[in-house]
Amino acid sequence: MRHLISPLDFSVEELDTLMNVANDIENNPDKYAHACEGKKLATLFYEASTRTRLSHEAAMLNLGGSVLGFSSADSSSAAKGESVADTIRTVSCYADIAAMRHPKEGAPLVASKYSSIPVINAGDGGHQHPTQTLTDLLTIRSLKGRINNLTIGLCGDLKFGRTVHSLIYALSRYEGIEFYLISPKELRLPDYIKEDVLDKKNIKYKEVIRIEEALPELDFLYMTRVQKERFFNEDDYIRMKDFYILDAEKMAKAPEEMYVLHPLPRVNEISIEVDNDPRAAYFKQAQYGVYIRMALILNLLNITV
């Protein structure tokens, strides 16, 4: 039995296989419609979510399985003080696989140590978001035909953004990757990621404040929102939340073959006028999220179609 706690839990070769299955699911959905018949997915979401929770549930339903779970800590026994360890032990009696989102870093890892079913980390605090990373990798490969030899701009909240952290760890294993780290000084990428990943692997990166400086050089622009829930001081959040707004004027400076990604939800950081630009790929990205989660569920349950 294996779990997905970090995007590094799968080798590059295993990721390729997973993405191949996801592409096959996209092209042949009927082939997989009954693959998980009789199987149950538990969604244990201690933190609010739309896309991540519903895409996991859609993935299991598309595979012919069923879902159960809770969508906030207040609607679970966590409100009574139950530990993550006890929750997962109990849920293991009811379901075949579980997806957990938790505001505390490391909670899904703790759950995996006490679980008798596979555990998927669906986001833990500002730490990791591996299924979003799988989604991002599938989207990048599907749009460009490769993952190596790309220049990626990461824009917005690079300090608390778990999607950004996970993506950097994952992309660091591919050749020829370069990063533009676009953020205000207050929201720069943590030093430990720069030192332990980028510097250690000699990956080229440039830290800039102005998005216009990076745009002409990019294959992908990965936008993120400034996350109110990660700030202790509301004044700091208000000051930062509109620091970057991608609009049609800025998009005019970007290459015609560049794509815009966003893990969603967006607030103000991408103007709705960008939605009609053929380079806007963030809703397509959300669809790829269902395919890759279907492939992941099959993998963790050892089901071959």
Protein backbone atom coordinates (compact mmCIF):
# COMPACT_ATOMS: atom_id res chain seq x y z
CA MET A 1 0.00 0.00 0.00
CA ARG A 2 1.25 3.47 -0.83
CA HIS A 3 0.11 7.04 -0.24
CA LEU A 4 0.55 10.39 -1.99
CA ILE A 5 1.81 12.86 0.61
CA SER A 6 4.45 14.70 -1.44
CA PRO A 7 4.80 15.20 -5.20
CA LEU A 8 8.15 13.42 -4.84
CA ASP A 9 6.48 10.18 -3.73
CA PHE A 10 6.30 9.15 -7.40
CA SER A 11 9.39 8.88 -9.60
CA VAL A 12 9.52 10.77 -12.89
CA GLU A 13 8.92 7.47 -14.69
CA GLU A 14 5.88 6.72 -12.51
CA LEU A 15 4.55 10.23 -13.15
CA ASP A 16 4.87 9.66 -16.90
CA THR A 17 2.86 6.45 -16.58
CA LEU A 18 0.25 8.23 -14.45
CA MET A 19 -0.08 11.02 -17.03
CA ASN A 20 -0.36 8.48 -19.85
CA VAL A 21 -3.30 6.89 -18.03
CA ALA A 22 -4.85 10.33 -17.49
CA ASN A 23 -4.59 11.10 -21.21
CA ASP A 24 -6.17 7.73 -22.01
CA ILE A 25 -9.01 8.53 -19.59
CA GLU A 26 -9.52 11.85 -21.38
CA ASN A 27 -9.78 10.10 -24.75
CA ASN A 28 -11.64 6.94 -23.63
CA PRO A 29 -13.85 7.79 -20.61
CA ASP A 30 -16.26 4.88 -21.16
CA LYS A 31 -13.40 2.41 -20.78
CA TYR A 32 -12.98 3.52 -17.13
CA ALA A 33 -16.63 4.09 -16.19
CA HIS A 34 -16.90 0.98 -13.95
CA ALA A 35 -13.28 0.56 -12.85
CA CYS A 36 -14.00 1.42 -9.18
CA GLU A 37 -17.44 -0.09 -8.84
CA GLY A 38 -17.97 -1.00 -5.18
CA LYS A 39 -15.09 1.23 -3.99
CA LYS A 40 -15.55 4.23 -1.69
CA LEU A 41 -13.53 7.45 -1.45
CA ALA A 42 -13.62 9.39 1.83
CA THR A 43 -13.02 13.15 1.47
CA LEU A 44 -11.77 14.46 4.82
CA PHE A 45 -11.66 18.22 4.33
CA TYR A 46 -10.86 20.15 7.50
CA GLU A 47 -10.48 23.29 5.38
CA ALA A 48 -12.76 24.93 2.79
CA SER A 49 -12.33 23.76 -0.80
CA THR A 50 -14.30 23.69 -4.02
CA ARG A 51 -12.14 22.36 -6.85
CA THR A 52 -9.94 19.95 -4.90
CA ARG A 53 -12.79 18.29 -3.02
CA LEU A 54 -15.23 18.18 -5.93
CA SER A 55 -12.60 17.02 -8.42
CA HIS A 56 -11.66 14.11 -6.15
CA GLU A 57 -15.33 13.25 -5.80
CA ALA A 58 -15.97 13.63 -9.55
CA ALA A 59 -12.95 11.42 -10.23
CA MET A 60 -14.29 8.59 -8.06
CA LEU A 61 -17.83 8.94 -9.42
CA ASN A 62 -16.51 8.90 -13.01
CA LEU A 63 -14.78 5.62 -12.15
CA GLY A 64 -18.08 4.12 -10.94
CA GLY A 65 -17.27 4.38 -7.23
CA SER A 66 -18.98 6.32 -4.44
CA VAL A 67 -17.95 9.06 -2.01
CA LEU A 68 -18.50 9.99 1.62
CA GLY A 69 -16.92 12.47 3.97
CA PHE A 70 -17.09 15.98 5.40
CA SER A 71 -16.31 19.43 4.02
CA SER A 72 -15.26 21.30 7.17
CA ALA A 73 -13.74 20.55 10.56
CA ASP A 74 -16.89 21.89 12.24
CA SER A 75 -18.95 19.12 10.66
CA SER A 76 -16.59 16.38 11.87
CA SER A 77 -15.58 14.98 15.24
CA ALA A 78 -12.52 17.23 15.09
CA ALA A 79 -14.86 19.83 16.59
CA LYS A 80 -15.04 17.53 19.63
CA GLY A 81 -11.28 17.18 19.81
CA GLU A 82 -10.77 13.91 17.93
CA SER A 83 -7.22 13.45 16.64
CA VAL A 84 -6.31 12.95 12.99
CA ALA A 85 -4.95 9.50 13.91
CA ASP A 86 -8.25 8.38 15.41
CA THR A 87 -10.26 9.86 12.55
CA ILE A 88 -8.31 7.99 9.88
CA ARG A 89 -8.40 4.74 11.87
CA THR A 90 -12.19 5.03 11.94
CA VAL A 91 -12.58 6.12 8.32
CA SER A 92 -10.42 3.15 7.28
CA CYS A 93 -13.33 0.97 8.40
CA TYR A 94 -15.74 2.77 6.04
CA ALA A 95 -13.79 3.57 2.87
CA ASP A 96 -11.17 2.13 0.52
CA ILE A 97 -9.17 5.34 0.00
CA ALA A 98 -9.13 8.82 1.57
CA ALA A 99 -8.28 12.36 0.43
CA MET A 100 -7.42 14.74 3.28
CA ARG A 101 -7.06 18.52 3.36
CA HIS A 102 -5.91 20.07 6.63
CA PRO A 103 -4.72 23.53 7.74
CA LYS A 104 -1.81 22.02 9.69
CA GLU A 105 1.37 21.04 7.86
CA GLY A 106 2.05 17.33 8.16
CA ALA A 107 -1.47 16.22 9.11
CA PRO A 108 -1.92 13.94 6.06
CA LEU A 109 1.51 12.42 6.76
CA VAL A 110 0.39 11.62 10.32
CA ALA A 111 -2.82 10.13 8.93
CA SER A 112 -0.87 7.90 6.54
CA LYS A 113 1.06 6.39 9.45
CA TYR A 114 -2.15 5.24 11.16
CA SER A 115 -4.23 4.42 8.09
CA SER A 116 -5.01 1.00 6.68
CA ILE A 117 -6.15 2.58 3.38
CA PRO A 118 -4.25 4.83 0.90
CA VAL A 119 -4.18 8.51 1.89
CA ILE A 120 -4.00 11.37 -0.61
CA ASN A 121 -2.70 14.70 0.66
CA ALA A 122 -5.20 17.22 -0.75
CA GLY A 123 -3.31 20.17 0.75
CA ASP A 124 -1.72 20.69 4.16
CA GLY A 125 -1.41 24.31 5.31
CA GLY A 126 1.23 26.25 3.39
CA HIS A 127 3.27 23.09 2.84
CA GLN A 128 2.33 20.84 -0.09
CA HIS A 129 -0.47 20.27 -2.58
CA PRO A 130 0.66 17.21 -4.56
CA THR A 131 -2.55 16.50 -6.52
CA GLN A 132 -2.55 20.08 -7.76
CA THR A 133 1.05 19.52 -8.80
CA LEU A 134 0.06 16.39 -10.74
CA THR A 135 -2.64 18.48 -12.39
CA ASP A 136 -0.11 21.18 -13.28
CA LEU A 137 2.37 18.69 -14.74
CA LEU A 138 -0.33 17.03 -16.85
CA THR A 139 -1.52 20.43 -18.09
CA ILE A 140 2.01 21.55 -18.98
CA ARG A 141 2.77 18.29 -20.81
CA SER A 142 -0.56 18.27 -22.63
CA LEU A 143 -0.21 21.89 -23.82
CA LYS A 144 3.50 21.85 -24.73
CA GLY A 145 4.14 18.18 -25.39
CA ARG A 146 6.98 18.15 -22.84
CA ILE A 147 7.89 19.16 -19.30
CA ASN A 148 11.63 19.73 -19.76
CA ASN A 149 13.36 22.82 -21.23
CA LEU A 150 10.74 25.34 -20.15
CA THR A 151 10.79 28.75 -18.49
CA ILE A 152 8.11 29.09 -15.83
CA GLY A 153 7.04 32.33 -14.18
CA LEU A 154 5.59 31.89 -10.70
CA CYS A 155 3.68 35.00 -9.67
CA GLY A 156 2.02 36.25 -6.49
CA ASP A 157 2.18 34.63 -3.07
CA LEU A 158 5.35 32.56 -3.25
CA LYS A 159 5.84 32.59 0.53
CA PHE A 160 2.66 30.79 1.62
CA GLY A 161 1.57 29.27 -1.70
CA ARG A 162 1.66 25.49 -1.26
CA THR A 163 0.83 24.96 -4.96
CA VAL A 164 3.98 26.90 -5.88
CA HIS A 165 6.13 25.02 -3.36
CA SER A 166 4.96 21.62 -4.61
CA LEU A 167 5.40 22.60 -8.26
CA ILE A 168 8.99 23.76 -7.71
CA TYR A 169 9.87 20.46 -6.01
CA ALA A 170 8.32 18.50 -8.88
CA LEU A 171 9.74 20.54 -11.77
CA SER A 172 13.22 20.47 -10.23
CA ARG A 173 13.52 16.86 -11.39
CA TYR A 174 13.19 17.78 -15.08
CA GLU A 175 16.01 19.05 -17.29
CA GLY A 176 16.32 22.61 -18.55
CA ILE A 177 13.79 24.20 -16.22
CA GLU A 178 14.22 27.90 -15.40
CA PHE A 179 12.10 30.02 -13.07
CA TYR A 180 11.11 33.65 -12.80
CA LEU A 181 10.00 34.24 -9.21
CA ILE A 182 7.64 37.21 -9.40
CA SER A 183 6.54 38.61 -6.04
CA PRO A 184 6.75 41.56 -3.67
CA LYS A 185 9.60 41.30 -1.18
CA GLU A 186 7.18 40.39 1.61
CA LEU A 187 5.92 37.31 -0.27
CA ARG A 188 9.15 35.94 -1.74
CA LEU A 189 9.84 32.23 -1.98
CA PRO A 190 11.16 30.92 1.36
CA ASP A 191 14.95 30.69 1.58
CA TYR A 192 14.86 27.00 2.47
CA ILE A 193 13.27 26.15 -0.90
CA LYS A 194 15.76 28.31 -2.79
CA GLU A 195 18.68 26.73 -0.93
CA ASP A 196 17.49 23.12 -0.71
CA VAL A 197 16.02 22.84 -4.20
CA LEU A 198 17.03 25.58 -6.64
CA ASP A 199 20.57 26.30 -5.48
CA LYS A 200 21.35 22.68 -4.63
CA LYS A 201 20.33 21.51 -8.11
CA ASN A 202 21.83 24.52 -9.92
CA ILE A 203 18.45 25.49 -11.33
CA LYS A 204 18.46 28.94 -12.88
CA TYR A 205 16.05 31.45 -11.35
CA LYS A 206 15.56 35.17 -11.21
CA GLU A 207 13.62 37.08 -8.56
CA VAL A 208 11.73 40.09 -9.92
CA ILE A 209 9.02 42.36 -8.62
CA ARG A 210 7.47 43.59 -11.87
CA ILE A 211 5.52 41.01 -13.88
CA GLU A 212 6.28 42.91 -17.10
CA GLU A 213 9.97 42.13 -16.69
CA ALA A 214 9.37 38.38 -16.88
CA LEU A 215 6.50 38.06 -19.37
CA PRO A 216 8.45 38.15 -22.66
CA GLU A 217 10.66 35.24 -21.51
CA LEU A 218 8.02 32.76 -20.39
CA ASP A 219 6.55 29.50 -21.66
CA PHE A 220 4.09 29.46 -18.75
CA LEU A 221 2.90 32.09 -16.29
CA TYR A 222 1.60 30.48 -13.11
CA MET A 223 -0.55 33.03 -11.28
CA THR A 224 -1.56 32.60 -7.63
CA ARG A 225 -3.84 34.53 -5.33
CA VAL A 226 -2.73 36.21 -2.14
CA GLN A 227 -4.29 33.92 0.44
CA LYS A 228 -6.16 35.77 3.16
CA GLU A 229 -6.29 32.64 5.32
CA ARG A 230 -2.47 32.53 5.57
CA PHE A 231 -2.14 36.08 6.95
CA PHE A 232 -2.16 36.86 10.66
CA ASN A 233 -2.58 40.59 10.03
CA GLU A 234 -5.51 41.74 7.87
CA ASP A 235 -3.81 45.06 7.09
CA ASP A 236 -0.92 43.17 5.48
CA TYR A 237 -3.37 41.13 3.41
CA ILE A 238 -5.22 44.22 2.19
CA ARG A 239 -1.93 45.87 1.23
CA MET A 240 -0.78 42.80 -0.75
CA LYS A 241 -3.95 41.41 -2.33
CA ASP A 242 -4.01 43.60 -5.44
CA PHE A 243 -0.25 43.74 -5.98
CA TYR A 244 -0.54 41.82 -9.27
CA ILE A 245 -3.41 41.98 -11.73
CA LEU A 246 -2.91 40.28 -15.09
CA ASP A 247 -4.91 42.08 -17.77
CA ALA A 248 -5.06 42.34 -21.57
CA GLU A 249 -2.49 45.13 -21.61
CA LYS A 250 0.07 42.96 -19.82
CA MET A 251 -0.80 39.92 -21.94
CA ALA A 252 0.15 41.93 -25.03
CA LYS A 253 3.76 41.76 -23.77
CA ALA A 254 3.71 37.95 -23.52
CA PRO A 255 4.70 35.49 -26.28
CA GLU A 256 1.92 34.13 -28.46
CA GLU A 257 2.80 30.57 -27.40
CA MET A 258 2.82 31.31 -23.64
CA TYR A 259 0.05 29.84 -21.45
CA VAL A 260 -1.45 31.21 -18.25
CA LEU A 261 -2.13 28.74 -15.43
CA HIS A 262 -3.78 29.28 -12.05
CA PRO A 263 -4.67 26.69 -9.38
CA LEU A 264 -7.86 28.66 -8.64
CA PRO A 265 -9.81 30.18 -7.00
CA ARG A 266 -8.85 33.55 -8.39
CA VAL A 267 -9.84 36.81 -6.75
CA ASN A 268 -8.53 39.89 -8.58
CA GLU A 269 -5.22 38.65 -9.91
CA ILE A 270 -6.47 37.72 -13.40
CA SER A 271 -8.88 40.12 -15.06
CA ILE A 272 -11.91 38.40 -16.62
CA GLU A 273 -10.94 39.97 -19.97
CA VAL A 274 -8.04 37.48 -20.07
CA ASP A 275 -10.50 34.55 -20.04
CA ASN A 276 -11.13 34.95 -23.77
CA ASP A 277 -7.42 34.92 -24.61
CA PRO A 278 -6.49 31.54 -26.21
CA ARG A 279 -3.45 31.47 -23.88
CA ALA A 280 -5.69 31.33 -20.78
CA ALA A 281 -5.53 27.66 -19.76
CA TYR A 282 -6.70 27.71 -16.13
CA PHE A 283 -10.18 26.26 -16.70
CA LYS A 284 -8.70 23.57 -18.95
CA GLN A 285 -6.26 22.97 -16.07
CA ALA A 286 -9.23 22.34 -13.74
CA GLN A 287 -10.53 19.68 -16.16
CA TYR A 288 -7.15 17.98 -16.29
CA GLY A 289 -7.37 17.82 -12.49
CA VAL A 290 -10.21 15.31 -12.76
CA TYR A 291 -8.32 13.07 -15.22
CA ILE A 292 -5.13 12.93 -13.17
CA ARG A 293 -7.02 12.24 -9.94
CA MET A 294 -8.85 9.40 -11.66
CA ALA A 295 -5.49 7.97 -12.71
CA LEU A 296 -4.13 8.44 -9.17
CA ILE A 297 -7.07 6.66 -7.53
CA LEU A 298 -6.64 3.71 -9.88
CA ASN A 299 -2.93 3.60 -9.12
CA LEU A 300 -3.28 3.71 -5.34
CA LEU A 301 -6.01 1.07 -5.40
CA ASN A 302 -3.89 -1.14 -7.72
CA ILE A 303 -6.63 -1.24 -10.35
CA THR A 304 -5.58 -1.81 -13.96
CA VAL A 305 -7.98 -1.18 -16.84
